[in-house]
C-alpha atoms as a PDB file:
ATOM      1  CA  MET A   1     172.744  31.950  29.322  1.00  0.00           C
ATOM      2  CA  ARG A   2     174.856  34.786  27.946  1.00  0.00           C
ATOM      3  CA  SER A   3     173.585  38.182  28.426  1.00  0.00           C
ATOM      4  CA  GLU A   4     173.831  41.035  26.092  1.00  0.00           C
ATOM      5  CA  ARG A   5     176.539  42.632  28.113  1.00  0.00           C
ATOM      6  CA  ASP A   6     178.594  39.423  27.810  1.00  0.00           C
ATOM      7  CA  GLU A   7     178.504  39.384  23.968  1.00  0.00           C
ATOM      8  CA  HIS A   8     179.378  43.132  23.807  1.00  0.00           C
ATOM      9  CA  CYS A   9     182.432  42.292  25.998  1.00  0.00           C
ATOM     10  CA  ALA A  10     183.361  39.402  23.748  1.00  0.00           C
ATOM     11  CA  LEU A  11     183.332  41.755  20.731  1.00  0.00           C
ATOM     12  CA  PHE A  12     185.564  44.116  22.773  1.00  0.00           C
ATOM     13  CA  PHE A  13     187.987  41.293  23.762  1.00  0.00           C
ATOM     14  CA  VAL A  14     188.133  39.832  20.177  1.00  0.00           C
ATOM     15  CA  GLN A  15     189.061  43.213  18.626  1.00  0.00           C
ATOM     16  CA  LEU A  16     191.610  43.847  21.475  1.00  0.00           C
ATOM     17  CA  VAL A  17     193.275  40.611  20.644  1.00  0.00           C
ATOM     18  CA  LEU A  18     193.555  41.423  17.055  1.00  0.00           C
ATOM     19  CA  ASN A  19     194.641  45.021  17.869  1.00  0.00           C
ATOM     20  CA  ALA A  20     197.486  43.236  19.836  1.00  0.00           C
ATOM     21  CA  ALA A  21     198.400  40.910  17.053  1.00  0.00           C
ATOM     22  CA  TRP A  22     198.366  43.572  14.409  1.00  0.00           C
ATOM     23  CA  SER A  23     201.621  44.890  15.571  1.00  0.00           C
ATOM     24  CA  TRP A  24     203.482  41.443  15.249  1.00  0.00           C
ATOM     25  CA  MET A  25     201.996  40.696  11.885  1.00  0.00           C
ATOM     26  CA  PHE A  26     202.611  44.073  10.299  1.00  0.00           C
ATOM     27  CA  PHE A  27     205.988  45.117  11.856  1.00  0.00           C
ATOM     28  CA  ALA A  28     207.650  41.799  13.263  1.00  0.00           C
ATOM     29  CA  ALA A  29     206.647  39.681  10.442  1.00  0.00           C
ATOM     30  CA  ASN A  30     207.288  42.780   8.041  1.00  0.00           C
ATOM     31  CA  SER A  31     203.963  41.719   6.062  1.00  0.00           C
ATOM     32  CA  PRO A  32     201.858  44.597   4.910  1.00  0.00           C
ATOM     33  CA  LEU A  33     199.520  41.745   3.618  1.00  0.00           C
ATOM     34  CA  LEU A  34     199.146  40.058   7.104  1.00  0.00           C
ATOM     35  CA  GLY A  35     198.571  43.437   8.519  1.00  0.00           C
ATOM     36  CA  MET A  36     195.636  43.943   5.901  1.00  0.00           C
ATOM     37  CA  VAL A  37     194.370  40.478   6.752  1.00  0.00           C
ATOM     38  CA  ASN A  38     194.298  41.412  10.530  1.00  0.00           C
ATOM     39  CA  ILE A  39     193.253  44.971  10.209  1.00  0.00           C
ATOM     40  CA  VAL A  40     190.070  44.863   8.001  1.00  0.00           C
ATOM     41  CA  PRO A  41     188.227  42.424  10.116  1.00  0.00           C
ATOM     42  CA  GLN A  42     189.691  44.297  13.488  1.00  0.00           C
ATOM     43  CA  PHE A  43     188.218  47.475  12.060  1.00  0.00           C
ATOM     44  CA  ALA A  44     184.769  45.959  11.350  1.00  0.00           C
ATOM     45  CA  LEU A  45     184.858  44.646  14.859  1.00  0.00           C
ATOM     46  CA  ILE A  46     185.638  47.922  16.383  1.00  0.00           C
ATOM     47  CA  ILE A  47     182.777  49.519  14.438  1.00  0.00           C
ATOM     48  CA  ALA A  48     180.369  46.572  15.679  1.00  0.00           C
ATOM     49  CA  THR A  49     181.814  47.267  19.075  1.00  0.00           C
ATOM     50  CA  VAL A  50     180.883  50.962  19.244  1.00  0.00           C
ATOM     51  CA  VAL A  51     177.461  50.136  17.932  1.00  0.00           C
ATOM     52  CA  ALA A  52     176.973  47.522  20.553  1.00  0.00           C
ATOM     53  CA  PHE A  53     178.358  49.608  23.226  1.00  0.00           C
ATOM     54  CA  TYR A  54     176.328  52.509  22.201  1.00  0.00           C
ATOM     55  CA  ARG A  55     173.025  50.686  22.917  1.00  0.00           C
ATOM     56  CA  LEU A  56     174.281  49.673  26.308  1.00  0.00           C
ATOM     57  CA  ASP A  57     176.539  52.464  27.437  1.00  0.00           C
ATOM     58  CA  ARG A  58     176.998  55.571  25.482  1.00  0.00           C
ATOM     59  CA  LEU A  59     179.894  56.696  27.434  1.00  0.00           C
ATOM     60  CA  ALA A  60     181.685  53.439  26.630  1.00  0.00           C
ATOM     61  CA  ALA A  61     180.916  53.790  22.993  1.00  0.00           C
ATOM     62  CA  TYR A  62     182.245  57.398  22.893  1.00  0.00           C
ATOM     63  CA  CYS A  63     185.605  56.046  24.716  1.00  0.00           C
ATOM     64  CA  LEU A  64     185.994  54.052  21.785  1.00  0.00           C
ATOM     65  CA  VAL A  65     185.970  56.651  19.227  1.00  0.00           C
ATOM     66  CA  PRO A  66     189.693  57.652  19.466  1.00  0.00           C
ATOM     67  CA  LEU A  67     190.468  53.910  18.704  1.00  0.00           C
ATOM     68  CA  THR A  68     188.188  53.773  15.793  1.00  0.00           C
ATOM     69  CA  ALA A  69     189.902  56.786  14.468  1.00  0.00           C
ATOM     70  CA  TRP A  70     193.473  55.474  14.912  1.00  0.00           C
ATOM     71  CA  VAL A  71     192.674  51.934  13.441  1.00  0.00           C
ATOM     72  CA  ALA A  72     190.883  53.894  10.517  1.00  0.00           C
ATOM     73  CA  PHE A  73     194.224  55.683   9.999  1.00  0.00           C
ATOM     74  CA  ALA A  74     196.273  52.493  10.778  1.00  0.00           C
ATOM     75  CA  THR A  75     194.032  50.527   7.892  1.00  0.00           C
ATOM     76  CA  SER A  76     194.840  53.391   5.359  1.00  0.00           C
ATOM     77  CA  SER A  77     198.630  53.435   6.094  1.00  0.00           C
ATOM     78  CA  THR A  78     198.654  49.601   6.139  1.00  0.00           C
ATOM     79  CA  SER A  79     196.851  49.526   2.526  1.00  0.00           C
ATOM     80  CA  ARG A  80     199.151  52.254   1.264  1.00  0.00           C
ATOM     81  CA  SER A  81     202.263  50.860   2.615  1.00  0.00           C
ATOM     82  CA  GLY A  82     202.198  47.710   0.336  1.00  0.00           C
ATOM     83  CA  TYR A  83     205.893  47.148  -0.957  1.00  0.00           C
ATOM     84  CA  SER A  84     207.349  50.276   0.674  1.00  0.00           C
ATOM     85  CA  ILE A  85     207.853  48.713   3.945  1.00  0.00           C
ATOM     86  CA  GLY A  86     209.381  45.577   2.209  1.00  0.00           C
ATOM     87  CA  GLU A  87     211.695  47.541   0.107  1.00  0.00           C
ATOM     88  CA  SER A  88     212.977  49.607   2.994  1.00  0.00           C
ATOM     89  CA  ALA A  89     213.661  46.493   4.950  1.00  0.00           C
ATOM     90  CA  THR A  90     215.456  45.017   1.901  1.00  0.00           C
ATOM     91  CA  ARG A  91     217.598  48.150   1.609  1.00  0.00           C
ATOM     92  CA  TRP A  92     218.406  48.148   5.485  1.00  0.00           C
ATOM     93  CA  LEU A  93     219.524  44.585   5.158  1.00  0.00           C
ATOM     94  CA  SER A  94     221.720  45.089   2.075  1.00  0.00           C
ATOM     95  CA  ALA A  95     223.197  48.076   3.994  1.00  0.00           C
ATOM     96  CA  VAL A  96     223.793  46.032   6.812  1.00  0.00           C
ATOM     97  CA  THR A  97     225.304  43.097   4.968  1.00  0.00           C
ATOM     98  CA  GLU A  98     227.469  45.410   2.929  1.00  0.00           C
ATOM     99  CA  HIS A  99     228.675  47.110   6.160  1.00  0.00           C
ATOM    100  CA  ALA A 100     229.340  43.462   7.766  1.00  0.00           C
ATOM    101  CA  GLN A 101     231.404  42.559   4.444  1.00  0.00           C
ATOM    102  CA  LYS A 102     233.483  45.566   4.642  1.00  0.00           C
ATOM    103  CA  SER A 103     234.213  45.059   8.170  1.00  0.00           C
ATOM    104  CA  LYS A 104     235.643  41.497   7.464  1.00  0.00           C
ATOM    105  CA  VAL A 105     237.728  42.748   4.755  1.00  0.00           C
ATOM    106  CA  GLY A 106     239.140  45.653   6.897  1.00  0.00           C
ATOM    107  CA  HIS A 107     240.115  43.300   9.388  1.00  0.00           C
ATOM    108  CA  GLY A 108     242.009  41.065   7.159  1.00  0.00           C
ATOM    109  CA  GLN A 109     239.286  38.186   7.105  1.00  0.00           C
END
């Protein structure tokens, strides 16, 4: 039978996995939408973890406050980034492509 402590640890590890996946979904996939799909449930799980830990060990709950604040900020930033990240990546890719084409022309290719 699972103890209350085991359930709290499970909450912690699920939010930890989501936290690790967010960087890949948001930055590597260059997708604010995937970032939001991840970070909204992640933030809810962090809040649930803080509440659960508070009942079991207040110090453990207090240790999660900086994470909670950081993910709240990241949630706000992710929701506001929307198209700006995609547009920045498109501009960067266009500049790289243009530079590569000019390099070929300059080398007689």
